[in-house]
Amino acid sequence: MSSDGQSGVSKEVIPESVSLCPLSMADAPEQKQLCIFGTGDLGRSLGQRLLQCGYRVVYGSRRPHGCGPVPPGTQAMSHEAAAQTAALVFICIHRENYDFLETLAPQLKGKVLVDVSNNLRKNLYPEANAEYLQRLIPGAHVVKAFNTLSAWALQNGPSDASRQVYLCGNSAEAKQAVADTATKLGFSVLDRGSLSAARELEEFPLQLFPEWRVPLLLATGLTAFFFLYLVIRDVVYSYVEKEKDVSFRIMVSLANKVFPIVSLIMLSLCYLPGVIAAILQLYRGTKYKRFPDWLDRWMLCRKQMGLVALAFASLHVLYTLIIPIRYYVRFRLSEMTVSQIRENQTSKFDTTMAWRVDSYYSMGVLGFGLYLLLGISSLPSVSNALSWREFSFIQSKLGYLTLFFCTFHTYLYGWNKFLSPSSYKWYTPPAYMFSLVLPSAVLVLRLLLLLPCVDRSLTRIRQGWERTDPEADSKKPLLT
């Protein structure tokens, strides 16, 4: 990709101290010239990054003298003139403006065209933008790349944004040229194959939290169910049976009951698939059979489930902290104090209740502290600094300890209410009882898997042993 055009910038334009590229300009053997069609936000940001990494940049524009500011050290000219100055051209314009490119087919013949465009929604056009561009200019080598990066990511560098650049194209040489450029910009490259994969790449930026969809839908469903359940048990029941209006409890009291319930269930769902996977491996006697698709998808979204659970736990903590300043609580305290003064009575200190309350809060604090540790260690910047053994210790062993503390915290909250008939309004159990079913089952199953005989068999299976014949010697090693 040698340049045959005029130089647009010298090496001294961008100070070396502000370079965002792993290869400084002084280390570059020569400055290659690249062309960018389009002077929008993405085009200008891309040009700035290319300059910082030692390239010369020329812009192609419909209005070379009125296209707005371009990065210092670059120059803007007509599309026809700019296309003749470089062997690699970035097409940073919208697809609806591609038609004029057909008239530039002679100037773009044999050149590498990097299509960075995206659409506003899926299936907007019958074919991918890159495929359409290739059809307009059959003599060029079209490569789909850089469309998953934003202008912000290009300005701030790969250390502050996604490092991944996906590309696809029909020419191996053209893809290599684009991959070399992306690597010099500090990004890692993933080749997705031929240009037929362009539609898939163009749909990447249009996806809205694809890995978060199931956890968020599940959390929303659980929140709606338990909120409605508590409204019926607490608000409607009081109004019908006792003729008391306690609807004000919806805003804080009921919300502060729903959040911990959803949080504990979501945390349990993070560890349940691992238990199911271990049971399947023990049943099959091998680790080489694939898990069902539903279990694979479940295991892949455990991180998102855990973070959603942490968010609900944080809301529970915040709502708990405001309880002492609530009007209803302050009113009840004053009413109780006045009542005791009038009746000349004092409450006797209950040691058992003190132990219960302190243990309840202690388990909650410990559980939430470990909750935060799990969330922090799941951040890429933190997890990348941990070895696999360290990460596994935090997410697995400390994760089950977190589940135990939070479950015990809920049991202490219930205390002896499990046996009180008054707790079963309209013969329905308290909502927190539902939240104890799943974590209790997960903890019991986990304890069973830790039994020496079970753990030994599971460890051997995960090390490669297979039970191919029930009559065979159980100590026979796996032959590969």
Protein backbone atom coordinates (compact mmCIF):
# COMPACT_ATOMS: atom_id res chain seq x y z
CA MET A 1 0.00 0.00 0.00
CA SER A 2 2.64 2.51 -1.02
CA SER A 3 1.53 6.10 -1.43
CA ASP A 4 1.76 7.99 -4.70
CA GLY A 5 0.18 11.22 -3.42
CA GLN A 6 1.33 14.29 -1.58
CA SER A 7 2.34 14.16 2.03
CA GLY A 8 -0.34 15.55 4.31
CA VAL A 9 1.49 15.66 7.66
CA SER A 10 5.00 15.55 9.05
CA LYS A 11 6.17 13.39 11.94
CA GLU A 12 6.22 16.36 14.27
CA VAL A 13 2.51 17.20 14.00
CA ILE A 14 1.37 14.88 16.81
CA PRO A 15 3.65 14.88 19.87
CA GLU A 16 4.98 11.46 20.72
CA SER A 17 3.87 11.89 24.34
CA VAL A 18 0.20 11.79 23.35
CA SER A 19 0.43 8.82 21.02
CA LEU A 20 -2.13 6.13 21.72
CA CYS A 21 -0.44 3.51 19.56
CA PRO A 22 1.91 0.74 20.69
CA LEU A 23 4.31 1.62 17.86
CA SER A 24 5.65 5.17 18.05
CA MET A 25 6.04 7.23 14.90
CA ALA A 26 9.79 7.30 15.32
CA ASP A 27 9.88 3.50 15.06
CA ALA A 28 7.91 3.41 11.77
CA PRO A 29 10.16 2.76 8.78
CA GLU A 30 7.95 4.85 6.49
CA GLN A 31 4.71 6.75 6.48
CA LYS A 32 1.98 5.11 4.43
CA GLN A 33 -0.84 7.22 3.08
CA LEU A 34 -4.43 6.20 3.61
CA CYS A 35 -7.65 7.71 2.32
CA ILE A 36 -10.91 8.31 4.16
CA PHE A 37 -14.18 9.04 2.40
CA GLY A 38 -16.32 11.03 4.82
CA THR A 39 -15.54 13.79 7.31
CA GLY A 40 -18.11 12.96 9.99
CA ASP A 41 -17.35 12.08 13.61
CA LEU A 42 -16.12 8.58 12.82
CA GLY A 43 -14.06 9.72 9.84
CA ARG A 44 -12.34 12.48 11.80
CA SER A 45 -11.68 10.23 14.81
CA LEU A 46 -10.27 7.50 12.60
CA GLY A 47 -8.04 9.98 10.82
CA GLN A 48 -6.73 11.31 14.13
CA ARG A 49 -5.82 7.81 15.29
CA LEU A 50 -4.11 7.01 12.00
CA LEU A 51 -2.05 10.19 12.29
CA GLN A 52 -0.99 9.31 15.81
CA CYS A 53 0.19 5.92 14.62
CA GLY A 54 2.38 7.27 11.84
CA TYR A 55 0.13 7.25 8.78
CA ARG A 56 -0.54 10.08 6.38
CA VAL A 57 -4.22 10.77 5.81
CA VAL A 58 -6.17 12.30 2.95
CA TYR A 59 -9.91 12.93 3.06
CA GLY A 60 -12.31 12.63 0.16
CA SER A 61 -15.34 14.93 0.35
CA ARG A 62 -18.13 16.28 -1.83
CA ARG A 63 -17.20 19.76 -0.60
CA PRO A 64 -13.43 19.75 -0.07
CA HIS A 65 -13.35 23.40 0.96
CA GLY A 66 -16.54 23.38 3.07
CA CYS A 67 -16.61 19.98 4.74
CA GLY A 68 -15.85 21.28 8.21
CA PRO A 69 -12.67 20.93 10.28
CA VAL A 70 -10.44 17.93 9.66
CA PRO A 71 -7.56 16.82 11.92
CA PRO A 72 -4.53 19.12 11.64
CA GLY A 73 -1.96 17.74 9.22
CA THR A 74 -4.52 16.20 6.85
CA GLN A 75 -6.02 17.63 3.70
CA ALA A 76 -9.42 17.32 2.06
CA MET A 77 -9.92 16.98 -1.69
CA SER A 78 -12.48 15.60 -4.07
CA HIS A 79 -13.33 11.91 -3.93
CA GLU A 80 -11.75 11.29 -7.34
CA ALA A 81 -8.49 12.96 -6.41
CA ALA A 82 -8.33 11.38 -2.96
CA ALA A 83 -8.97 7.88 -4.33
CA GLN A 84 -5.83 8.13 -6.46
CA THR A 85 -3.53 8.88 -3.52
CA ALA A 86 -3.78 5.62 -1.53
CA ALA A 87 -4.25 1.89 -1.98
CA LEU A 88 -6.49 1.56 1.07
CA VAL A 89 -9.67 3.63 1.38
CA PHE A 90 -11.97 3.80 4.41
CA ILE A 91 -15.61 4.32 3.39
CA CYS A 92 -17.04 6.30 6.33
CA ILE A 93 -20.33 7.31 4.72
CA HIS A 94 -23.89 6.01 4.96
CA ARG A 95 -25.11 3.36 2.57
CA GLU A 96 -27.77 5.64 1.07
CA ASN A 97 -24.91 7.79 -0.25
CA TYR A 98 -23.00 4.93 -1.90
CA ASP A 99 -24.38 5.49 -5.39
CA PHE A 100 -21.78 8.08 -6.38
CA LEU A 101 -19.04 5.52 -5.74
CA GLU A 102 -20.05 3.67 -8.88
CA THR A 103 -18.74 6.57 -10.93
CA LEU A 104 -15.36 6.18 -9.21
CA ALA A 105 -14.97 2.54 -10.23
CA PRO A 106 -11.95 3.26 -12.49
CA GLN A 107 -10.10 5.13 -9.70
CA LEU A 108 -10.99 2.48 -7.07
CA LYS A 109 -10.18 -0.58 -9.18
CA GLY A 110 -7.72 -2.87 -7.41
CA LYS A 111 -7.86 -0.88 -4.18
CA VAL A 112 -8.90 -2.09 -0.72
CA LEU A 113 -12.17 -0.53 0.41
CA VAL A 114 -12.91 -0.77 4.12
CA ASP A 115 -16.65 -0.53 4.74
CA VAL A 116 -17.32 0.77 8.27
CA SER A 117 -21.03 1.53 7.84
CA ASN A 118 -23.93 0.39 10.04
CA ASN A 119 -27.69 0.56 9.64
CA LEU A 120 -30.35 1.99 11.93
CA ARG A 121 -32.11 -1.37 12.32
CA LYS A 122 -31.85 -4.99 11.25
CA ASN A 123 -32.98 -6.18 7.81
CA LEU A 124 -33.23 -2.63 6.52
CA TYR A 125 -31.80 -3.72 3.15
CA PRO A 126 -31.96 -7.06 1.33
CA GLU A 127 -28.15 -7.40 1.34
CA ALA A 128 -25.32 -6.30 3.58
CA ASN A 129 -23.82 -2.86 2.99
CA ALA A 130 -20.42 -4.35 2.23
CA GLU A 131 -21.90 -6.77 -0.31
CA TYR A 132 -23.73 -3.89 -1.96
CA LEU A 133 -20.49 -1.91 -2.11
CA GLN A 134 -18.71 -4.86 -3.69
CA ARG A 135 -21.45 -5.09 -6.32
CA LEU A 136 -21.12 -1.38 -7.10
CA ILE A 137 -17.35 -1.63 -7.54
CA PRO A 138 -16.56 -5.21 -8.57
CA GLY A 139 -12.94 -4.34 -9.35
CA ALA A 140 -12.16 -3.33 -5.76
CA HIS A 141 -11.45 -5.56 -2.74
CA VAL A 142 -14.12 -4.79 -0.12
CA VAL A 143 -13.42 -5.61 3.53
CA LYS A 144 -15.97 -5.13 6.28
CA ALA A 145 -14.19 -3.85 9.40
CA PHE A 146 -14.13 -1.21 12.17
CA ASN A 147 -17.95 -0.96 12.22
CA THR A 148 -18.13 -2.24 15.81
CA LEU A 149 -15.97 0.66 17.08
CA SER A 150 -17.38 4.06 17.96
CA ALA A 151 -15.81 7.46 17.41
CA TRP A 152 -15.30 7.65 21.16
CA ALA A 153 -13.37 4.36 21.15
CA LEU A 154 -11.10 5.60 18.38
CA GLN A 155 -10.43 8.87 20.18
CA ASN A 156 -9.65 7.35 23.56
CA GLY A 157 -7.70 4.34 22.40
CA PRO A 158 -8.09 0.61 23.01
CA SER A 159 -7.17 0.91 26.69
CA ASP A 160 -10.46 2.73 27.36
CA ALA A 161 -12.71 0.83 24.98
CA SER A 162 -13.21 -2.46 23.18
CA ARG A 163 -9.98 -3.83 21.70
CA GLN A 164 -11.68 -6.14 19.21
CA VAL A 165 -11.91 -5.41 15.49
CA TYR A 166 -13.94 -7.90 13.45
CA LEU A 167 -13.37 -8.13 9.73
CA CYS A 168 -14.47 -10.21 6.76
CA GLY A 169 -13.75 -10.17 3.04
CA ASN A 170 -13.14 -12.31 -0.02
CA SER A 171 -9.49 -11.32 -0.56
CA ALA A 172 -6.93 -12.68 1.89
CA GLU A 173 -4.41 -10.01 0.90
CA ALA A 174 -6.94 -7.22 1.42
CA LYS A 175 -7.93 -8.57 4.84
CA GLN A 176 -4.28 -8.82 5.83
CA ALA A 177 -3.71 -5.20 4.88
CA VAL A 178 -6.66 -4.08 7.02
CA ALA A 179 -5.58 -6.37 9.87
CA ASP A 180 -2.08 -4.85 9.82
CA THR A 181 -3.56 -1.37 10.06
CA ALA A 182 -5.86 -2.34 12.94
CA THR A 183 -2.95 -3.95 14.78
CA LYS A 184 -0.84 -0.80 14.43
CA LEU A 185 -3.76 1.15 15.90
CA GLY A 186 -3.55 -1.06 18.98
CA PHE A 187 -6.56 -3.29 18.34
CA SER A 188 -6.79 -7.07 18.17
CA VAL A 189 -8.26 -8.56 15.02
CA LEU A 190 -10.69 -11.42 14.54
CA ASP A 191 -11.23 -12.70 11.00
CA ARG A 192 -14.85 -13.80 10.48
CA GLY A 193 -14.33 -15.25 7.01
CA SER A 194 -15.70 -14.21 3.63
CA LEU A 195 -17.79 -11.17 2.80
CA SER A 196 -20.96 -13.22 3.31
CA ALA A 197 -20.42 -12.67 7.06
CA ALA A 198 -20.82 -8.90 6.61
CA ARG A 199 -24.50 -8.92 7.60
CA GLU A 200 -23.63 -10.62 10.87
CA LEU A 201 -20.97 -7.98 11.59
CA GLU A 202 -23.37 -5.19 10.73
CA GLU A 203 -25.91 -6.58 13.21
CA PHE A 204 -23.42 -6.54 16.11
CA PRO A 205 -23.84 -2.81 16.93
CA LEU A 206 -27.64 -3.11 16.65
CA GLN A 207 -27.90 -5.67 19.43
CA LEU A 208 -29.18 -4.26 22.71
CA PHE A 209 -27.61 -6.13 25.65
CA PRO A 210 -27.91 -9.58 24.02
CA GLU A 211 -26.22 -11.34 26.95
CA TRP A 212 -28.30 -9.40 29.47
CA ARG A 213 -31.68 -10.12 27.92
CA VAL A 214 -32.47 -13.34 29.81
CA PRO A 215 -31.22 -12.10 33.23
CA LEU A 216 -33.12 -8.82 32.89
CA LEU A 217 -36.32 -10.52 31.75
CA LEU A 218 -36.03 -13.03 34.58
CA ALA A 219 -35.41 -10.29 37.15
CA THR A 220 -38.32 -8.27 35.80
CA GLY A 221 -40.65 -11.27 35.96
CA LEU A 222 -39.62 -12.16 39.51
CA THR A 223 -39.96 -8.56 40.65
CA ALA A 224 -43.45 -8.22 39.16
CA PHE A 225 -44.63 -11.54 40.63
CA PHE A 226 -43.39 -10.95 44.17
CA PHE A 227 -44.49 -7.32 44.21
CA LEU A 228 -48.03 -8.31 43.24
CA TYR A 229 -47.92 -11.19 45.74
CA LEU A 230 -46.90 -8.85 48.57
CA VAL A 231 -49.49 -6.24 47.63
CA ILE A 232 -52.20 -8.88 47.95
CA ARG A 233 -50.86 -10.31 51.23
CA ASP A 234 -50.00 -7.04 52.96
CA VAL A 235 -52.08 -4.23 51.49
CA VAL A 236 -55.25 -5.92 50.22
CA TYR A 237 -55.41 -8.31 53.19
CA SER A 238 -55.19 -5.44 55.71
CA TYR A 239 -57.86 -3.47 53.88
CA VAL A 240 -60.29 -6.41 53.57
CA GLU A 241 -59.76 -8.19 56.89
CA LYS A 242 -58.77 -5.33 59.19
CA GLU A 243 -60.19 -2.30 57.32
CA LYS A 244 -56.83 -0.57 57.53
CA ASP A 245 -55.23 1.40 54.71
CA VAL A 246 -51.53 0.57 54.62
CA SER A 247 -51.02 1.32 50.94
CA PHE A 248 -48.20 3.72 51.85
CA ARG A 249 -46.06 0.63 52.55
CA ILE A 250 -45.86 -0.04 48.82
CA MET A 251 -43.13 2.55 48.23
CA VAL A 252 -40.55 1.37 50.79
CA SER A 253 -41.62 -1.60 52.89
CA LEU A 254 -42.84 -3.80 50.05
CA ALA A 255 -40.00 -2.77 47.76
CA ASN A 256 -37.50 -3.62 50.49
CA LYS A 257 -39.03 -7.09 50.71
CA VAL A 258 -38.99 -7.70 46.97
CA PHE A 259 -35.37 -6.68 46.34
CA PRO A 260 -33.69 -9.22 48.66
CA ILE A 261 -36.01 -12.00 47.49
CA VAL A 262 -35.15 -11.43 43.83
CA SER A 263 -31.48 -10.98 44.67
CA LEU A 264 -31.24 -14.30 46.53
CA ILE A 265 -33.09 -16.22 43.81
CA MET A 266 -30.89 -14.70 41.08
CA LEU A 267 -27.74 -15.54 43.05
CA SER A 268 -28.96 -19.12 43.41
CA LEU A 269 -29.53 -19.30 39.67
CA CYS A 270 -25.86 -18.40 39.16
CA TYR A 271 -24.71 -21.57 40.94
CA LEU A 272 -27.52 -23.99 40.11
CA PRO A 273 -26.30 -24.69 36.52
CA GLY A 274 -22.85 -25.66 37.83
CA VAL A 275 -24.47 -28.19 40.17
CA ILE A 276 -26.64 -29.54 37.34
CA ALA A 277 -23.57 -29.84 35.09
CA ALA A 278 -21.70 -31.82 37.77
CA ILE A 279 -24.65 -34.18 38.24
CA LEU A 280 -24.86 -34.73 34.47
CA GLN A 281 -21.16 -35.54 34.29
CA LEU A 282 -21.49 -38.04 37.13
CA TYR A 283 -24.52 -39.62 35.48
CA ARG A 284 -22.88 -39.87 32.07
CA GLY A 285 -19.48 -40.84 33.41
CA THR A 286 -17.67 -38.50 31.01
CA LYS A 287 -16.96 -34.83 30.41
CA TYR A 288 -16.82 -35.18 26.62
CA LYS A 289 -20.57 -35.12 25.97
CA ARG A 290 -22.04 -31.71 25.32
CA PHE A 291 -24.48 -30.23 27.76
CA PRO A 292 -28.00 -29.44 26.53
CA ASP A 293 -28.29 -26.13 24.71
CA TRP A 294 -30.46 -24.62 27.46
CA LEU A 295 -27.79 -25.43 30.05
CA ASP A 296 -25.04 -23.98 27.85
CA ARG A 297 -26.97 -20.74 27.43
CA TRP A 298 -27.73 -20.66 31.14
CA MET A 299 -24.06 -21.06 32.09
CA LEU A 300 -23.00 -18.34 29.65
CA CYS A 301 -25.20 -15.72 31.31
CA ARG A 302 -24.23 -16.46 34.92
CA LYS A 303 -22.05 -13.35 35.14
CA GLN A 304 -24.92 -11.12 34.08
CA MET A 305 -27.27 -12.84 36.51
CA GLY A 306 -24.79 -12.26 39.33
CA LEU A 307 -24.44 -8.57 38.53
CA VAL A 308 -28.22 -8.13 38.39
CA ALA A 309 -28.45 -9.92 41.74
CA LEU A 310 -25.82 -7.55 43.14
CA ALA A 311 -27.82 -4.57 41.91
CA PHE A 312 -30.93 -5.79 43.76
CA ALA A 313 -28.88 -6.49 46.89
CA SER A 314 -27.50 -2.94 46.74
CA LEU A 315 -31.02 -1.54 46.50
CA HIS A 316 -31.98 -3.62 49.54
CA VAL A 317 -29.06 -2.14 51.50
CA LEU A 318 -29.96 1.42 50.51
CA TYR A 319 -33.63 0.96 51.37
CA THR A 320 -32.68 -0.55 54.73
CA LEU A 321 -30.51 2.45 55.56
CA ILE A 322 -33.44 4.87 55.18
CA ILE A 323 -35.75 2.92 57.50
CA PRO A 324 -34.86 4.93 60.67
CA ILE A 325 -35.80 8.23 59.00
CA ARG A 326 -39.16 7.07 57.64
CA TYR A 327 -42.19 8.92 58.98
CA TYR A 328 -44.02 5.67 59.76
CA VAL A 329 -41.10 4.28 61.81
CA ARG A 330 -40.56 7.52 63.73
CA PHE A 331 -44.29 7.74 64.45
CA ARG A 332 -44.43 4.17 65.76
CA LEU A 333 -41.39 4.75 68.00
CA SER A 334 -42.88 7.93 69.48
CA GLU A 335 -46.26 6.22 69.95
CA MET A 336 -44.63 3.28 71.72
CA THR A 337 -42.59 5.55 73.97
CA VAL A 338 -45.62 7.63 74.97
CA SER A 339 -47.64 4.47 75.59
CA GLN A 340 -44.99 3.05 77.90
CA ILE A 341 -44.79 6.33 79.82
CA ARG A 342 -48.54 6.46 80.30
CA GLU A 343 -48.70 2.87 81.47
CA ASN A 344 -45.50 3.24 83.52
CA GLN A 345 -44.00 0.19 81.85
CA THR A 346 -40.57 -0.64 80.47
CA SER A 347 -39.61 -3.37 78.08
CA LYS A 348 -37.36 -6.08 79.43
CA PHE A 349 -34.11 -6.67 77.58
CA ASP A 350 -34.35 -9.94 75.63
CA THR A 351 -30.93 -11.56 75.22
CA THR A 352 -32.24 -14.10 72.73
CA MET A 353 -33.68 -11.36 70.54
CA ALA A 354 -30.41 -9.42 70.77
CA TRP A 355 -28.48 -12.46 69.55
CA ARG A 356 -30.96 -13.00 66.74
CA VAL A 357 -30.93 -9.38 65.53
CA ASP A 358 -27.14 -9.02 65.74
CA SER A 359 -26.63 -12.34 63.94
CA TYR A 360 -29.19 -11.30 61.32
CA TYR A 361 -27.38 -8.04 60.57
CA SER A 362 -23.95 -9.67 60.78
CA MET A 363 -24.86 -12.30 58.17
CA GLY A 364 -26.30 -9.59 55.96
CA VAL A 365 -23.18 -7.43 56.16
CA LEU A 366 -20.85 -10.38 55.50
CA GLY A 367 -23.00 -11.59 52.63
CA PHE A 368 -23.14 -8.16 51.01
CA GLY A 369 -19.39 -7.68 51.46
CA LEU A 370 -18.69 -10.93 49.62
CA TYR A 371 -21.34 -9.94 47.07
CA LEU A 372 -19.31 -6.82 46.29
CA LEU A 373 -16.11 -8.87 46.04
CA LEU A 374 -17.76 -11.16 43.48
CA GLY A 375 -18.95 -8.17 41.47
CA ILE A 376 -15.59 -6.40 41.53
CA SER A 377 -13.65 -9.52 40.54
CA SER A 378 -15.95 -10.00 37.52
CA LEU A 379 -14.82 -6.68 36.02
CA PRO A 380 -12.44 -7.32 33.08
CA SER A 381 -9.76 -5.00 34.47
CA VAL A 382 -9.74 -7.00 37.74
CA SER A 383 -10.26 -10.51 36.38
CA ASN A 384 -7.42 -10.02 33.89
CA ALA A 385 -5.07 -9.42 36.81
CA LEU A 386 -6.09 -12.69 38.50
CA SER A 387 -4.84 -16.17 37.70
CA TRP A 388 -7.43 -18.77 36.78
CA ARG A 389 -7.06 -20.42 40.20
CA GLU A 390 -7.58 -17.09 41.98
CA PHE A 391 -10.59 -16.21 39.85
CA SER A 392 -12.11 -19.66 40.37
CA PHE A 393 -11.54 -19.45 44.14
CA ILE A 394 -13.38 -16.12 44.36
CA GLN A 395 -16.24 -16.91 42.01
CA SER A 396 -16.79 -20.50 43.13
CA LYS A 397 -15.75 -21.07 46.74
CA LEU A 398 -16.41 -17.53 47.97
CA GLY A 399 -19.51 -17.47 45.79
CA TYR A 400 -21.03 -20.44 47.61
CA LEU A 401 -20.02 -18.82 50.91
CA THR A 402 -21.87 -15.68 49.81
CA LEU A 403 -24.94 -17.77 49.01
CA PHE A 404 -24.72 -19.41 52.45
CA PHE A 405 -24.46 -16.09 54.32
CA CYS A 406 -27.37 -14.57 52.40
CA THR A 407 -29.52 -17.67 52.89
CA PHE A 408 -28.72 -17.81 56.61
CA HIS A 409 -29.51 -14.08 56.79
CA THR A 410 -32.98 -14.84 55.42
CA TYR A 411 -33.53 -17.75 57.80
CA LEU A 412 -32.69 -15.46 60.73
CA TYR A 413 -35.17 -12.95 59.38
CA GLY A 414 -37.89 -15.60 59.44
CA TRP A 415 -36.76 -17.02 62.81
CA ASN A 416 -39.85 -18.67 64.38
CA LYS A 417 -42.37 -17.13 61.98
CA PHE A 418 -42.34 -20.39 60.02
CA LEU A 419 -44.48 -21.98 62.75
CA SER A 420 -46.75 -19.00 63.42
CA PRO A 421 -50.27 -19.40 61.94
CA SER A 422 -50.64 -15.60 61.77
CA SER A 423 -47.84 -15.49 59.19
CA TYR A 424 -49.99 -17.38 56.68
CA LYS A 425 -52.43 -14.68 55.60
CA TRP A 426 -55.22 -16.17 53.54
CA TYR A 427 -53.31 -19.46 53.89
CA THR A 428 -50.46 -18.12 51.80
CA PRO A 429 -46.83 -18.37 53.04
CA PRO A 430 -44.69 -15.26 53.49
CA ALA A 431 -42.84 -14.25 50.32
CA TYR A 432 -39.38 -14.74 51.80
CA MET A 433 -40.13 -18.46 52.21
CA PHE A 434 -40.20 -18.80 48.43
CA SER A 435 -36.74 -17.26 48.22
CA LEU A 436 -35.32 -19.93 50.55
CA VAL A 437 -36.33 -22.95 48.45
CA LEU A 438 -33.83 -22.58 45.62
CA PRO A 439 -30.72 -21.50 47.60
CA SER A 440 -31.34 -24.22 50.19
CA ALA A 441 -31.56 -26.84 47.44
CA VAL A 442 -28.37 -25.54 45.78
CA LEU A 443 -26.45 -25.60 49.07
CA VAL A 444 -27.62 -29.14 49.92
CA LEU A 445 -26.70 -30.45 46.48
CA ARG A 446 -23.34 -28.74 46.70
CA LEU A 447 -22.65 -30.38 50.05
CA LEU A 448 -23.52 -33.77 48.54
CA LEU A 449 -21.07 -33.14 45.70
CA LEU A 450 -18.37 -32.40 48.27
CA LEU A 451 -18.68 -35.83 49.86
CA PRO A 452 -15.30 -37.60 49.43
CA CYS A 453 -16.65 -40.49 47.36
CA VAL A 454 -18.62 -38.17 45.06
CA ASP A 455 -15.90 -35.53 44.79
CA ARG A 456 -13.27 -38.17 43.93
CA SER A 457 -15.37 -39.54 41.07
CA LEU A 458 -16.18 -36.08 39.73
CA THR A 459 -12.51 -35.05 39.86
CA ARG A 460 -11.46 -38.15 37.88
CA ILE A 461 -14.12 -37.49 35.25
CA ARG A 462 -12.98 -33.89 34.85
CA GLN A 463 -9.39 -35.11 34.49
CA GLY A 464 -10.38 -37.23 31.49
CA TRP A 465 -11.53 -40.59 32.84
CA GLU A 466 -14.57 -42.11 31.11
CA ARG A 467 -16.98 -44.81 32.24
CA THR A 468 -17.36 -46.52 28.89
CA ASP A 469 -18.17 -49.96 30.26
CA PRO A 470 -19.98 -50.57 33.54
CA GLU A 471 -18.05 -53.83 33.97
CA ALA A 472 -14.67 -52.31 33.23
CA ASP A 473 -12.11 -51.52 35.89
CA SER A 474 -12.95 -48.12 37.32
CA LYS A 475 -9.26 -47.27 37.47
CA LYS A 476 -8.64 -47.78 33.78
CA PRO A 477 -7.14 -44.56 32.34
CA LEU A 478 -8.65 -42.74 29.38
CA LEU A 479 -7.08 -43.70 26.04
CA THR A 480 -6.82 -40.86 23.53
